[in-house]
Amino acid sequence: MSELAWRKSSFSGDDASRDCVEVAVARDGQIHFRESDTPDVVAVTTPARWGAFVKGVKAGEFDERLTS
């Protein structure tokens, strides 16, 4: 998967020690995502499912599931 160009939120800053979600789009259009602290574990989904997930995050649908 080294051919993927991984991106992370600008809110994560440049500090490599900060944990964040990284996202990459493969040549076939599939969305790959991973945690920066475990880069060998990668999940893959379709653009439609990723879009629905992002929409849900922006709408606060998962806020009650967060723990402090």
Protein backbone atom coordinates (compact mmCIF):
# COMPACT_ATOMS: atom_id res chain seq x y z
CA MET A 1 0.00 0.00 0.00
CA SER A 2 2.98 2.30 -0.23
CA GLU A 3 1.58 3.70 -3.50
CA LEU A 4 -1.23 5.40 -1.56
CA ALA A 5 -0.90 9.10 -0.77
CA TRP A 6 -2.07 9.31 2.84
CA ARG A 7 -3.68 12.53 4.08
CA LYS A 8 -4.75 13.69 7.51
CA SER A 9 -6.78 16.58 8.83
CA SER A 10 -5.05 19.94 9.08
CA PHE A 11 -6.37 19.99 12.67
CA SER A 12 -3.83 17.25 13.45
CA GLY A 13 -0.94 19.64 12.91
CA ASP A 14 2.57 18.63 11.91
CA ASP A 15 3.38 16.76 15.13
CA ALA A 16 4.10 13.17 14.09
CA SER A 17 3.39 11.92 17.61
CA ARG A 18 -0.29 12.93 17.48
CA ASP A 19 -2.76 10.17 16.77
CA CYS A 20 -5.13 10.83 13.91
CA VAL A 21 -7.08 9.18 11.11
CA GLU A 22 -5.33 9.09 7.75
CA VAL A 23 -7.21 8.67 4.47
CA ALA A 24 -6.10 7.74 0.96
CA VAL A 25 -7.91 7.16 -2.32
CA ALA A 26 -6.71 4.20 -4.38
CA ARG A 27 -6.51 4.19 -8.17
CA ASP A 28 -9.70 2.13 -8.29
CA GLY A 29 -11.53 4.78 -6.25
CA GLN A 30 -11.74 2.78 -3.03
CA ILE A 31 -11.22 4.75 0.18
CA HIS A 32 -8.52 3.46 2.54
CA PHE A 33 -8.31 4.72 6.11
CA ARG A 34 -6.18 3.96 9.15
CA GLU A 35 -5.06 5.22 12.55
CA SER A 36 -1.69 6.93 12.40
CA ASP A 37 -0.47 5.01 15.46
CA THR A 38 -1.24 1.63 13.78
CA PRO A 39 -0.50 2.26 10.09
CA ASP A 40 -0.38 -1.45 9.20
CA VAL A 41 -4.10 -1.85 9.99
CA VAL A 42 -6.07 -0.44 7.06
CA ALA A 43 -9.81 -0.49 6.41
CA VAL A 44 -11.24 -0.08 2.91
CA THR A 45 -14.67 1.17 1.88
CA THR A 46 -16.52 2.60 -1.08
CA PRO A 47 -16.75 6.32 -1.80
CA ALA A 48 -20.51 6.21 -1.12
CA ARG A 49 -20.09 4.62 2.30
CA TRP A 50 -17.22 6.97 3.18
CA GLY A 51 -19.36 9.93 2.16
CA ALA A 52 -22.22 8.73 4.36
CA PHE A 53 -19.81 8.31 7.28
CA VAL A 54 -18.35 11.80 6.86
CA LYS A 55 -21.85 13.25 6.59
CA GLY A 56 -22.78 11.51 9.85
CA VAL A 57 -19.67 12.81 11.60
CA LYS A 58 -20.41 16.36 10.50
CA ALA A 59 -24.02 16.01 11.69
CA GLY A 60 -22.88 14.82 15.13
CA GLU A 61 -24.43 11.37 14.77
CA PHE A 62 -21.55 9.73 16.66
CA ASP A 63 -20.98 12.34 19.36
CA GLU A 64 -22.73 10.35 22.09
CA ARG A 65 -20.38 7.42 21.43
CA LEU A 66 -17.28 9.44 22.29
CA THR A 67 -15.60 8.83 25.62
CA SER A 68 -13.36 11.23 27.45
